[in-house]
Amino acid sequence: MVNATQQTRAGSQESVAASSSTSLAFAVLLIGNATLAAGPWFVRMADSGPVAAGFWRLLIALPFLALLAWRERSGEPLPSRAIVWLVAAAGVFFALDLASWHVGIERTRLGNATLFGNSGSILIMAWGLILLKRWPSAKECAAVVAALGGAAILLGRSLEIDPRYLTGDLFCILAGLFYTFYILFLQRARAAAGNWMLLTIVSLAGAPILLAIALALGEPVWPDDWWPNIGLALSSQVIGQGCLVYALRFFPPLVIGMALLTQPAIAAAIGWFAFGEAIMPVDALGMALVGGALLLARSSKAADPARIVDEVVSDEDDEDRSP
């Protein structure tokens, strides 16, 4: 009887501890998304060029990332040369993603920039359907339709307000395309190296490319006011990424996708208060459609790169075994 009571108490304590850990992880997830949403504001405030701000984002964050990678990999061998080259290739796409996105941030509204910059979820889903060689489900079709409808509304509104905004939207959509390739390259290396090691290698590979692009565009590189660049590096590359890395262990893609939708809302609010970028009802409709599409895409099995790789490899093995 006493043992049963003790077991009940132990189980209750474990349940409370698990609930507390989940609550903490959810708070960390929201903090991560909020700090990432502040990134476009720092890009706007930086007196260096937008692409140069991306260079400083990676370079300033690099010592912090390297320290975290060292602690994460303590006592473990370094990744193989093949993995390092694969992650470096991912870093090239990440640099192109940042360059396109930061240029877009300068030319369109912050809410649009954040939404379109996250469009990689829909593109990964589409790529997953191609690799898995199957037709989209009803939910996946709804994601595509909502994304197209919402994008059409937002792009039309941008063109109506200022053609420069439309150019910015297109740069942000291009950034989403680059980010898709970044994730696909990185996914193949994720099992062989920790998250912090991957981010360190990505930053090492991406920083020189961003510097070269900034110089080629004739942007000012050396800032007079360092705080926006420091804030960008800490908010987007260290705190934001760190919070997401921590929270990913606790939640499925659907919950992560729902939390991600706080980013465009926060960015739009910042744009409204800091730059007078008012959100009209038709803008809200477009954002809701694209946000819903991102949520549906994130919950799709075809948007999980790890699952795509596993299923494709499994299908190839089955074909090899077949007579």
C-alpha atoms as a PDB file:
ATOM      1  CA  MET A   1       0.000   0.000   0.000  1.00  0.00           C
ATOM      2  CA  VAL A   2       2.852   2.322   0.922  1.00  0.00           C
ATOM      3  CA  ASN A   3       4.716   1.408  -2.277  1.00  0.00           C
ATOM      4  CA  ALA A   4       1.647   2.158  -4.368  1.00  0.00           C
ATOM      5  CA  THR A   5       1.255   5.538  -2.679  1.00  0.00           C
ATOM      6  CA  GLN A   6       4.929   6.330  -3.251  1.00  0.00           C
ATOM      7  CA  GLN A   7       4.650   5.337  -6.912  1.00  0.00           C
ATOM      8  CA  THR A   8       1.572   7.539  -7.309  1.00  0.00           C
ATOM      9  CA  ARG A   9       3.398  10.491  -5.763  1.00  0.00           C
ATOM     10  CA  ALA A  10       6.464   9.864  -7.921  1.00  0.00           C
ATOM     11  CA  GLY A  11       4.297   9.687 -11.037  1.00  0.00           C
ATOM     12  CA  SER A  12       2.531  12.895 -10.054  1.00  0.00           C
ATOM     13  CA  GLN A  13       5.868  14.653  -9.502  1.00  0.00           C
ATOM     14  CA  GLU A  14       7.146  13.463 -12.881  1.00  0.00           C
ATOM     15  CA  SER A  15       3.950  14.704 -14.535  1.00  0.00           C
ATOM     16  CA  VAL A  16       4.308  18.128 -12.892  1.00  0.00           C
ATOM     17  CA  ALA A  17       7.987  18.274 -13.908  1.00  0.00           C
ATOM     18  CA  ALA A  18       7.132  17.332 -17.502  1.00  0.00           C
ATOM     19  CA  SER A  19       4.358  19.942 -17.625  1.00  0.00           C
ATOM     20  CA  SER A  20       6.730  22.560 -16.218  1.00  0.00           C
ATOM     21  CA  SER A  21       9.381  21.683 -18.831  1.00  0.00           C
ATOM     22  CA  THR A  22       6.817  21.934 -21.628  1.00  0.00           C
ATOM     23  CA  SER A  23       5.576  25.294 -20.363  1.00  0.00           C
ATOM     24  CA  LEU A  24       9.148  26.584 -20.192  1.00  0.00           C
ATOM     25  CA  ALA A  25       9.863  25.284 -23.697  1.00  0.00           C
ATOM     26  CA  PHE A  26       6.746  27.001 -25.061  1.00  0.00           C
ATOM     27  CA  ALA A  27       7.775  30.293 -23.442  1.00  0.00           C
ATOM     28  CA  VAL A  28      11.247  29.892 -24.954  1.00  0.00           C
ATOM     29  CA  LEU A  29       9.658  29.167 -28.343  1.00  0.00           C
ATOM     30  CA  LEU A  30       7.635  32.389 -28.197  1.00  0.00           C
ATOM     31  CA  ILE A  31      10.691  34.393 -27.080  1.00  0.00           C
ATOM     32  CA  GLY A  32      12.684  32.936 -29.984  1.00  0.00           C
ATOM     33  CA  ASN A  33      10.049  33.950 -32.504  1.00  0.00           C
ATOM     34  CA  ALA A  34       9.724  37.429 -30.977  1.00  0.00           C
ATOM     35  CA  THR A  35      13.472  38.067 -31.181  1.00  0.00           C
ATOM     36  CA  LEU A  36      13.583  36.772 -34.763  1.00  0.00           C
ATOM     37  CA  ALA A  37      10.688  39.090 -35.648  1.00  0.00           C
ATOM     38  CA  ALA A  38      12.766  42.050 -34.453  1.00  0.00           C
ATOM     39  CA  GLY A  39      15.495  41.236 -36.993  1.00  0.00           C
ATOM     40  CA  PRO A  40      14.010  43.280 -39.878  1.00  0.00           C
ATOM     41  CA  TRP A  41      13.797  46.338 -37.621  1.00  0.00           C
ATOM     42  CA  PHE A  42      17.522  46.060 -36.861  1.00  0.00           C
ATOM     43  CA  VAL A  43      18.254  45.741 -40.605  1.00  0.00           C
ATOM     44  CA  ARG A  44      16.312  48.958 -41.254  1.00  0.00           C
ATOM     45  CA  MET A  45      18.098  50.759 -38.413  1.00  0.00           C
ATOM     46  CA  ALA A  46      21.622  49.708 -39.458  1.00  0.00           C
ATOM     47  CA  ASP A  47      23.653  52.463 -41.129  1.00  0.00           C
ATOM     48  CA  SER A  48      25.607  49.871 -43.086  1.00  0.00           C
ATOM     49  CA  GLY A  49      23.979  48.468 -46.220  1.00  0.00           C
ATOM     50  CA  PRO A  50      21.341  45.735 -45.821  1.00  0.00           C
ATOM     51  CA  VAL A  51      23.601  42.978 -47.192  1.00  0.00           C
ATOM     52  CA  ALA A  52      26.488  44.286 -45.081  1.00  0.00           C
ATOM     53  CA  ALA A  53      24.174  44.005 -42.060  1.00  0.00           C
ATOM     54  CA  GLY A  54      23.822  40.315 -42.924  1.00  0.00           C
ATOM     55  CA  PHE A  55      27.625  40.001 -42.956  1.00  0.00           C
ATOM     56  CA  TRP A  56      27.874  41.545 -39.483  1.00  0.00           C
ATOM     57  CA  ARG A  57      24.996  39.368 -38.293  1.00  0.00           C
ATOM     58  CA  LEU A  58      27.058  36.263 -39.013  1.00  0.00           C
ATOM     59  CA  LEU A  59      30.471  37.618 -38.034  1.00  0.00           C
ATOM     60  CA  ILE A  60      29.451  39.099 -34.670  1.00  0.00           C
ATOM     61  CA  ALA A  61      27.513  35.946 -33.749  1.00  0.00           C
ATOM     62  CA  LEU A  62      30.372  33.626 -34.749  1.00  0.00           C
ATOM     63  CA  PRO A  63      32.306  33.623 -31.410  1.00  0.00           C
ATOM     64  CA  PHE A  64      29.097  32.849 -29.477  1.00  0.00           C
ATOM     65  CA  LEU A  65      28.152  30.069 -31.900  1.00  0.00           C
ATOM     66  CA  ALA A  66      31.671  28.589 -31.780  1.00  0.00           C
ATOM     67  CA  LEU A  67      31.591  28.513 -27.971  1.00  0.00           C
ATOM     68  CA  LEU A  68      28.190  26.808 -27.954  1.00  0.00           C
ATOM     69  CA  ALA A  69      29.402  24.327 -30.597  1.00  0.00           C
ATOM     70  CA  TRP A  70      32.484  23.533 -28.517  1.00  0.00           C
ATOM     71  CA  ARG A  71      30.316  22.823 -25.459  1.00  0.00           C
ATOM     72  CA  GLU A  72      27.875  20.781 -27.539  1.00  0.00           C
ATOM     73  CA  ARG A  73      30.592  18.643 -29.167  1.00  0.00           C
ATOM     74  CA  SER A  74      32.884  18.368 -26.128  1.00  0.00           C
ATOM     75  CA  GLY A  75      34.602  14.986 -26.211  1.00  0.00           C
ATOM     76  CA  GLU A  76      33.136  14.047 -29.605  1.00  0.00           C
ATOM     77  CA  PRO A  77      35.069  13.872 -32.897  1.00  0.00           C
ATOM     78  CA  LEU A  78      34.720  16.664 -35.425  1.00  0.00           C
ATOM     79  CA  PRO A  79      32.437  16.093 -38.432  1.00  0.00           C
ATOM     80  CA  SER A  80      33.994  14.475 -41.485  1.00  0.00           C
ATOM     81  CA  ARG A  81      35.356  16.559 -44.339  1.00  0.00           C
ATOM     82  CA  ALA A  82      32.406  15.543 -46.526  1.00  0.00           C
ATOM     83  CA  ILE A  83      29.935  16.803 -43.897  1.00  0.00           C
ATOM     84  CA  VAL A  84      31.851  20.069 -43.509  1.00  0.00           C
ATOM     85  CA  TRP A  85      31.719  20.681 -47.267  1.00  0.00           C
ATOM     86  CA  LEU A  86      28.015  19.846 -47.345  1.00  0.00           C
ATOM     87  CA  VAL A  87      27.279  22.315 -44.542  1.00  0.00           C
ATOM     88  CA  ALA A  88      29.504  24.923 -46.227  1.00  0.00           C
ATOM     89  CA  ALA A  89      27.375  24.538 -49.371  1.00  0.00           C
ATOM     90  CA  ALA A  90      24.308  25.106 -47.196  1.00  0.00           C
ATOM     91  CA  GLY A  91      26.049  28.225 -45.895  1.00  0.00           C
ATOM     92  CA  VAL A  92      26.282  29.556 -49.449  1.00  0.00           C
ATOM     93  CA  PHE A  93      22.513  29.285 -49.846  1.00  0.00           C
ATOM     94  CA  PHE A  94      21.993  30.830 -46.410  1.00  0.00           C
ATOM     95  CA  ALA A  95      24.136  33.804 -47.431  1.00  0.00           C
ATOM     96  CA  LEU A  96      22.085  34.234 -50.616  1.00  0.00           C
ATOM     97  CA  ASP A  97      18.909  33.947 -48.530  1.00  0.00           C
ATOM     98  CA  LEU A  98      20.069  36.707 -46.162  1.00  0.00           C
ATOM     99  CA  ALA A  99      21.245  38.945 -49.012  1.00  0.00           C
ATOM    100  CA  SER A 100      17.899  38.681 -50.842  1.00  0.00           C
ATOM    101  CA  TRP A 101      15.840  39.001 -47.678  1.00  0.00           C
ATOM    102  CA  HIS A 102      17.722  42.031 -46.336  1.00  0.00           C
ATOM    103  CA  VAL A 103      17.439  43.815 -49.682  1.00  0.00           C
ATOM    104  CA  GLY A 104      13.717  43.027 -49.636  1.00  0.00           C
ATOM    105  CA  ILE A 105      13.352  44.347 -46.068  1.00  0.00           C
ATOM    106  CA  GLU A 106      14.636  47.715 -47.233  1.00  0.00           C
ATOM    107  CA  ARG A 107      12.031  47.867 -50.015  1.00  0.00           C
ATOM    108  CA  THR A 108       8.782  46.516 -48.570  1.00  0.00           C
ATOM    109  CA  ARG A 109       6.706  46.438 -45.396  1.00  0.00           C
ATOM    110  CA  LEU A 110       8.121  44.480 -42.452  1.00  0.00           C
ATOM    111  CA  GLY A 111       5.069  42.210 -42.199  1.00  0.00           C
ATOM    112  CA  ASN A 112       5.314  41.255 -45.880  1.00  0.00           C
ATOM    113  CA  ALA A 113       9.057  40.717 -45.603  1.00  0.00           C
ATOM    114  CA  THR A 114       8.651  38.331 -42.674  1.00  0.00           C
ATOM    115  CA  LEU A 115       5.804  36.371 -44.260  1.00  0.00           C
ATOM    116  CA  PHE A 116       7.452  35.959 -47.665  1.00  0.00           C
ATOM    117  CA  GLY A 117      10.829  35.276 -46.061  1.00  0.00           C
ATOM    118  CA  ASN A 118       9.254  32.254 -44.349  1.00  0.00           C
ATOM    119  CA  SER A 119       7.743  30.929 -47.588  1.00  0.00           C
ATOM    120  CA  GLY A 120      10.347  28.155 -47.581  1.00  0.00           C
ATOM    121  CA  SER A 121       7.875  25.933 -45.674  1.00  0.00           C
ATOM    122  CA  ILE A 122       5.541  25.856 -48.685  1.00  0.00           C
ATOM    123  CA  LEU A 123       8.405  25.344 -51.141  1.00  0.00           C
ATOM    124  CA  ILE A 124       9.816  22.465 -49.062  1.00  0.00           C
ATOM    125  CA  MET A 125       6.358  20.870 -49.041  1.00  0.00           C
ATOM    126  CA  ALA A 126       6.157  21.145 -52.837  1.00  0.00           C
ATOM    127  CA  TRP A 127       9.654  19.693 -53.221  1.00  0.00           C
ATOM    128  CA  GLY A 128       8.739  16.887 -50.830  1.00  0.00           C
ATOM    129  CA  LEU A 129       5.711  15.955 -52.932  1.00  0.00           C
ATOM    130  CA  ILE A 130       7.938  15.753 -56.010  1.00  0.00           C
ATOM    131  CA  LEU A 131      10.492  13.529 -54.242  1.00  0.00           C
ATOM    132  CA  LEU A 132       7.808  11.319 -52.737  1.00  0.00           C
ATOM    133  CA  LYS A 133       6.133  11.037 -56.168  1.00  0.00           C
ATOM    134  CA  ARG A 134       2.590  11.505 -54.919  1.00  0.00           C
ATOM    135  CA  TRP A 135      -0.300  13.874 -55.466  1.00  0.00           C
ATOM    136  CA  PRO A 136      -0.966  16.481 -52.771  1.00  0.00           C
ATOM    137  CA  SER A 137      -3.593  15.784 -50.132  1.00  0.00           C
ATOM    138  CA  ALA A 138      -6.586  18.055 -49.606  1.00  0.00           C
ATOM    139  CA  LYS A 139      -4.725  19.868 -46.829  1.00  0.00           C
ATOM    140  CA  GLU A 140      -1.682  20.383 -49.038  1.00  0.00           C
ATOM    141  CA  CYS A 141      -3.842  21.648 -51.904  1.00  0.00           C
ATOM    142  CA  ALA A 142      -5.488  24.076 -49.492  1.00  0.00           C
ATOM    143  CA  ALA A 143      -2.011  25.300 -48.436  1.00  0.00           C
ATOM    144  CA  VAL A 144      -1.040  25.996 -52.043  1.00  0.00           C
ATOM    145  CA  VAL A 145      -4.326  27.755 -52.863  1.00  0.00           C
ATOM    146  CA  ALA A 146      -4.172  29.864 -49.697  1.00  0.00           C
ATOM    147  CA  ALA A 147      -0.545  30.777 -50.368  1.00  0.00           C
ATOM    148  CA  LEU A 148      -1.268  31.839 -53.935  1.00  0.00           C
ATOM    149  CA  GLY A 149      -4.371  33.793 -52.944  1.00  0.00           C
ATOM    150  CA  GLY A 150      -2.692  35.546 -50.038  1.00  0.00           C
ATOM    151  CA  ALA A 151       0.434  36.303 -52.056  1.00  0.00           C
ATOM    152  CA  ALA A 152      -1.680  37.751 -54.884  1.00  0.00           C
ATOM    153  CA  ILE A 153      -3.449  40.078 -52.426  1.00  0.00           C
ATOM    154  CA  LEU A 154      -0.225  41.221 -50.753  1.00  0.00           C
ATOM    155  CA  LEU A 155       1.664  41.664 -54.034  1.00  0.00           C
ATOM    156  CA  GLY A 156      -1.259  43.599 -55.503  1.00  0.00           C
ATOM    157  CA  ARG A 157      -1.397  45.844 -52.453  1.00  0.00           C
ATOM    158  CA  SER A 158       2.350  46.452 -52.651  1.00  0.00           C
ATOM    159  CA  LEU A 159       2.063  47.443 -56.305  1.00  0.00           C
ATOM    160  CA  GLU A 160      -0.846  49.733 -55.434  1.00  0.00           C
ATOM    161  CA  ILE A 161       1.087  51.480 -52.632  1.00  0.00           C
ATOM    162  CA  ASP A 162       4.488  51.710 -54.323  1.00  0.00           C
ATOM    163  CA  PRO A 163       6.094  49.609 -57.111  1.00  0.00           C
ATOM    164  CA  ARG A 164       9.224  49.564 -54.940  1.00  0.00           C
ATOM    165  CA  TYR A 165       7.277  47.502 -52.388  1.00  0.00           C
ATOM    166  CA  LEU A 166       6.514  44.907 -55.051  1.00  0.00           C
ATOM    167  CA  THR A 167      10.232  44.609 -55.817  1.00  0.00           C
ATOM    168  CA  GLY A 168      10.894  44.102 -52.111  1.00  0.00           C
ATOM    169  CA  ASP A 169       8.233  41.370 -51.918  1.00  0.00           C
ATOM    170  CA  LEU A 170       9.832  39.532 -54.845  1.00  0.00           C
ATOM    171  CA  PHE A 171      13.265  39.704 -53.202  1.00  0.00           C
ATOM    172  CA  CYS A 172      11.768  38.186 -50.042  1.00  0.00           C
ATOM    173  CA  ILE A 173      10.123  35.375 -52.045  1.00  0.00           C
ATOM    174  CA  LEU A 174      13.502  34.713 -53.683  1.00  0.00           C
ATOM    175  CA  ALA A 175      14.986  34.546 -50.184  1.00  0.00           C
ATOM    176  CA  GLY A 176      12.437  31.847 -49.323  1.00  0.00           C
ATOM    177  CA  LEU A 177      13.614  29.850 -52.340  1.00  0.00           C
ATOM    178  CA  PHE A 178      17.255  30.094 -51.236  1.00  0.00           C
ATOM    179  CA  TYR A 179      16.247  29.137 -47.694  1.00  0.00           C
ATOM    180  CA  THR A 180      14.582  25.996 -49.035  1.00  0.00           C
ATOM    181  CA  PHE A 181      17.853  24.796 -50.559  1.00  0.00           C
ATOM    182  CA  TYR A 182      19.650  25.756 -47.344  1.00  0.00           C
ATOM    183  CA  ILE A 183      17.356  23.516 -45.267  1.00  0.00           C
ATOM    184  CA  LEU A 184      17.561  20.618 -47.730  1.00  0.00           C
ATOM    185  CA  PHE A 185      21.371  20.714 -47.770  1.00  0.00           C
ATOM    186  CA  LEU A 186      21.560  21.091 -44.000  1.00  0.00           C
ATOM    187  CA  GLN A 187      19.143  18.251 -43.273  1.00  0.00           C
ATOM    188  CA  ARG A 188      21.508  15.652 -44.710  1.00  0.00           C
ATOM    189  CA  ALA A 189      24.232  16.792 -42.298  1.00  0.00           C
ATOM    190  CA  ARG A 190      22.079  17.306 -39.196  1.00  0.00           C
ATOM    191  CA  ALA A 191      22.482  13.741 -37.924  1.00  0.00           C
ATOM    192  CA  ALA A 192      26.287  13.895 -38.140  1.00  0.00           C
ATOM    193  CA  ALA A 193      26.804  17.199 -36.296  1.00  0.00           C
ATOM    194  CA  GLY A 194      25.054  19.191 -33.580  1.00  0.00           C
ATOM    195  CA  ASN A 195      22.923  22.225 -34.328  1.00  0.00           C
ATOM    196  CA  TRP A 196      25.479  24.707 -32.988  1.00  0.00           C
ATOM    197  CA  MET A 197      28.294  23.150 -34.991  1.00  0.00           C
ATOM    198  CA  LEU A 198      26.152  23.420 -38.116  1.00  0.00           C
ATOM    199  CA  LEU A 199      25.357  27.085 -37.444  1.00  0.00           C
ATOM    200  CA  THR A 200      29.059  27.795 -36.827  1.00  0.00           C
ATOM    201  CA  ILE A 201      30.126  26.265 -40.147  1.00  0.00           C
ATOM    202  CA  VAL A 202      27.241  27.969 -41.965  1.00  0.00           C
ATOM    203  CA  SER A 203      28.294  31.335 -40.544  1.00  0.00           C
ATOM    204  CA  LEU A 204      31.943  30.767 -41.472  1.00  0.00           C
ATOM    205  CA  ALA A 205      30.948  29.906 -45.044  1.00  0.00           C
ATOM    206  CA  GLY A 206      28.275  32.579 -45.450  1.00  0.00           C
ATOM    207  CA  ALA A 207      30.010  35.645 -44.005  1.00  0.00           C
ATOM    208  CA  PRO A 208      32.633  36.066 -46.795  1.00  0.00           C
ATOM    209  CA  ILE A 209      29.942  35.681 -49.461  1.00  0.00           C
ATOM    210  CA  LEU A 210      27.785  38.383 -47.873  1.00  0.00           C
ATOM    211  CA  LEU A 211      30.814  40.688 -47.617  1.00  0.00           C
ATOM    212  CA  ALA A 212      31.621  40.101 -51.316  1.00  0.00           C
ATOM    213  CA  ILE A 213      28.020  40.839 -52.352  1.00  0.00           C
ATOM    214  CA  ALA A 214      27.899  43.994 -50.212  1.00  0.00           C
ATOM    215  CA  LEU A 215      31.147  45.267 -51.749  1.00  0.00           C
ATOM    216  CA  ALA A 216      29.954  44.409 -55.262  1.00  0.00           C
ATOM    217  CA  LEU A 217      26.752  46.410 -54.643  1.00  0.00           C
ATOM    218  CA  GLY A 218      28.795  49.355 -53.384  1.00  0.00           C
ATOM    219  CA  GLU A 219      27.188  49.270 -49.938  1.00  0.00           C
ATOM    220  CA  PRO A 220      28.782  50.940 -46.909  1.00  0.00           C
ATOM    221  CA  VAL A 221      30.177  48.087 -44.827  1.00  0.00           C
ATOM    222  CA  TRP A 222      31.752  49.638 -41.737  1.00  0.00           C
ATOM    223  CA  PRO A 223      28.968  51.057 -39.524  1.00  0.00           C
ATOM    224  CA  ASP A 224      29.183  54.264 -37.479  1.00  0.00           C
ATOM    225  CA  ASP A 225      26.553  52.977 -35.055  1.00  0.00           C
ATOM    226  CA  TRP A 226      27.270  49.383 -34.048  1.00  0.00           C
ATOM    227  CA  TRP A 227      24.191  48.709 -31.920  1.00  0.00           C
ATOM    228  CA  PRO A 228      21.764  47.746 -34.728  1.00  0.00           C
ATOM    229  CA  ASN A 229      24.263  45.218 -36.096  1.00  0.00           C
ATOM    230  CA  ILE A 230      25.006  43.823 -32.637  1.00  0.00           C
ATOM    231  CA  GLY A 231      21.278  43.635 -31.918  1.00  0.00           C
ATOM    232  CA  LEU A 232      20.675  41.852 -35.229  1.00  0.00           C
ATOM    233  CA  ALA A 233      23.408  39.287 -34.544  1.00  0.00           C
ATOM    234  CA  LEU A 234      22.231  38.541 -31.008  1.00  0.00           C
ATOM    235  CA  SER A 235      18.486  38.570 -31.742  1.00  0.00           C
ATOM    236  CA  SER A 236      18.494  36.637 -35.016  1.00  0.00           C
ATOM    237  CA  GLN A 237      21.581  34.428 -34.927  1.00  0.00           C
ATOM    238  CA  VAL A 238      22.151  33.657 -31.234  1.00  0.00           C
ATOM    239  CA  ILE A 239      19.060  34.172 -29.057  1.00  0.00           C
ATOM    240  CA  GLY A 240      16.411  33.480 -31.707  1.00  0.00           C
ATOM    241  CA  GLN A 241      18.150  30.433 -33.174  1.00  0.00           C
ATOM    242  CA  GLY A 242      19.132  29.207 -29.707  1.00  0.00           C
ATOM    243  CA  CYS A 243      15.552  29.366 -28.455  1.00  0.00           C
ATOM    244  CA  LEU A 244      14.277  27.480 -31.512  1.00  0.00           C
ATOM    245  CA  VAL A 245      16.985  24.811 -31.202  1.00  0.00           C
ATOM    246  CA  TYR A 246      15.935  24.292 -27.575  1.00  0.00           C
ATOM    247  CA  ALA A 247      12.189  24.241 -28.288  1.00  0.00           C
ATOM    248  CA  LEU A 248      12.370  21.893 -31.297  1.00  0.00           C
ATOM    249  CA  ARG A 249      12.963  18.957 -28.949  1.00  0.00           C
ATOM    250  CA  PHE A 250       9.599  19.451 -27.240  1.00  0.00           C
ATOM    251  CA  PHE A 251       7.058  20.182 -29.979  1.00  0.00           C
ATOM    252  CA  PRO A 252       5.862  18.737 -33.315  1.00  0.00           C
ATOM    253  CA  PRO A 253       6.084  20.782 -36.540  1.00  0.00           C
ATOM    254  CA  LEU A 254       2.443  21.925 -36.211  1.00  0.00           C
ATOM    255  CA  VAL A 255       3.096  23.688 -32.894  1.00  0.00           C
ATOM    256  CA  ILE A 256       6.343  25.180 -34.220  1.00  0.00           C
ATOM    257  CA  GLY A 257       4.402  26.434 -37.255  1.00  0.00           C
ATOM    258  CA  MET A 258       1.708  28.018 -35.085  1.00  0.00           C
ATOM    259  CA  ALA A 259       4.352  29.835 -33.038  1.00  0.00           C
ATOM    260  CA  LEU A 260       6.067  30.940 -36.251  1.00  0.00           C
ATOM    261  CA  LEU A 261       2.927  32.905 -37.155  1.00  0.00           C
ATOM    262  CA  THR A 262       3.703  35.297 -34.300  1.00  0.00           C
ATOM    263  CA  GLN A 263       6.694  36.564 -36.309  1.00  0.00           C
ATOM    264  CA  PRO A 264       4.816  38.404 -39.099  1.00  0.00           C
ATOM    265  CA  ALA A 265       2.317  39.760 -36.561  1.00  0.00           C
ATOM    266  CA  ILE A 266       5.105  41.210 -34.404  1.00  0.00           C
ATOM    267  CA  ALA A 267       7.014  42.471 -37.453  1.00  0.00           C
ATOM    268  CA  ALA A 268       3.870  44.152 -38.800  1.00  0.00           C
ATOM    269  CA  ALA A 269       3.294  45.798 -35.403  1.00  0.00           C
ATOM    270  CA  ILE A 270       6.887  47.069 -35.375  1.00  0.00           C
ATOM    271  CA  GLY A 271       6.459  48.372 -38.920  1.00  0.00           C
ATOM    272  CA  TRP A 272       3.273  50.165 -37.920  1.00  0.00           C
ATOM    273  CA  PHE A 273       4.702  51.865 -34.814  1.00  0.00           C
ATOM    274  CA  ALA A 274       8.252  52.516 -36.049  1.00  0.00           C
ATOM    275  CA  PHE A 275       7.664  53.316 -39.733  1.00  0.00           C
ATOM    276  CA  GLY A 276       3.958  54.116 -40.057  1.00  0.00           C
ATOM    277  CA  GLU A 277       3.234  50.989 -42.169  1.00  0.00           C
ATOM    278  CA  ALA A 278      -0.524  50.767 -41.572  1.00  0.00           C
ATOM    279  CA  ILE A 279      -2.257  47.417 -42.009  1.00  0.00           C
ATOM    280  CA  MET A 280      -5.574  47.652 -43.839  1.00  0.00           C
ATOM    281  CA  PRO A 281      -8.261  44.910 -43.668  1.00  0.00           C
ATOM    282  CA  VAL A 282      -7.311  43.599 -47.125  1.00  0.00           C
ATOM    283  CA  ASP A 283      -3.672  43.368 -45.963  1.00  0.00           C
ATOM    284  CA  ALA A 284      -4.783  41.406 -42.911  1.00  0.00           C
ATOM    285  CA  LEU A 285      -6.731  39.040 -45.182  1.00  0.00           C
ATOM    286  CA  GLY A 286      -3.676  38.419 -47.365  1.00  0.00           C
ATOM    287  CA  MET A 287      -1.489  37.844 -44.322  1.00  0.00           C
ATOM    288  CA  ALA A 288      -4.034  35.460 -42.820  1.00  0.00           C
ATOM    289  CA  LEU A 289      -4.141  33.425 -46.037  1.00  0.00           C
ATOM    290  CA  VAL A 290      -0.357  33.180 -46.322  1.00  0.00           C
ATOM    291  CA  GLY A 291      -0.066  32.489 -42.591  1.00  0.00           C
ATOM    292  CA  GLY A 292      -2.640  29.718 -42.853  1.00  0.00           C
ATOM    293  CA  ALA A 293      -0.766  28.280 -45.811  1.00  0.00           C
ATOM    294  CA  LEU A 294       2.474  28.249 -43.809  1.00  0.00           C
ATOM    295  CA  LEU A 295       0.710  26.494 -40.947  1.00  0.00           C
ATOM    296  CA  LEU A 296      -0.802  23.837 -43.231  1.00  0.00           C
ATOM    297  CA  ALA A 297       2.525  23.334 -44.991  1.00  0.00           C
ATOM    298  CA  ARG A 298       4.404  22.898 -41.720  1.00  0.00           C
ATOM    299  CA  SER A 299       1.962  20.200 -40.605  1.00  0.00           C
ATOM    300  CA  SER A 300       2.417  18.250 -43.855  1.00  0.00           C
ATOM    301  CA  LYS A 301       4.562  15.116 -43.886  1.00  0.00           C
ATOM    302  CA  ALA A 302       5.961  16.328 -47.199  1.00  0.00           C
ATOM    303  CA  ALA A 303       7.416  19.400 -45.446  1.00  0.00           C
ATOM    304  CA  ASP A 304       9.604  17.322 -43.107  1.00  0.00           C
ATOM    305  CA  PRO A 305      13.011  16.952 -44.816  1.00  0.00           C
ATOM    306  CA  ALA A 306      14.069  14.138 -42.477  1.00  0.00           C
ATOM    307  CA  ARG A 307      10.933  12.142 -43.240  1.00  0.00           C
ATOM    308  CA  ILE A 308      11.331  12.802 -46.972  1.00  0.00           C
ATOM    309  CA  VAL A 309      14.881  11.444 -46.904  1.00  0.00           C
ATOM    310  CA  ASP A 310      13.822   8.382 -44.891  1.00  0.00           C
ATOM    311  CA  GLU A 311      10.905   7.553 -47.193  1.00  0.00           C
ATOM    312  CA  VAL A 312      12.892   8.121 -50.390  1.00  0.00           C
ATOM    313  CA  VAL A 313      15.740   5.937 -49.117  1.00  0.00           C
ATOM    314  CA  SER A 314      13.225   3.293 -48.010  1.00  0.00           C
ATOM    315  CA  ASP A 315      11.594   3.296 -51.458  1.00  0.00           C
ATOM    316  CA  GLU A 316      15.007   2.973 -53.133  1.00  0.00           C
ATOM    317  CA  ASP A 317      15.860   0.042 -50.861  1.00  0.00           C
ATOM    318  CA  ASP A 318      12.549  -1.640 -51.717  1.00  0.00           C
ATOM    319  CA  GLU A 319      13.256  -1.177 -55.435  1.00  0.00           C
ATOM    320  CA  ASP A 320      16.741  -2.645 -54.999  1.00  0.00           C
ATOM    321  CA  ARG A 321      15.312  -5.702 -53.233  1.00  0.00           C
ATOM    322  CA  SER A 322      12.584  -6.255 -55.790  1.00  0.00           C
ATOM    323  CA  PRO A 323      13.306  -9.022 -58.379  1.00  0.00           C
END
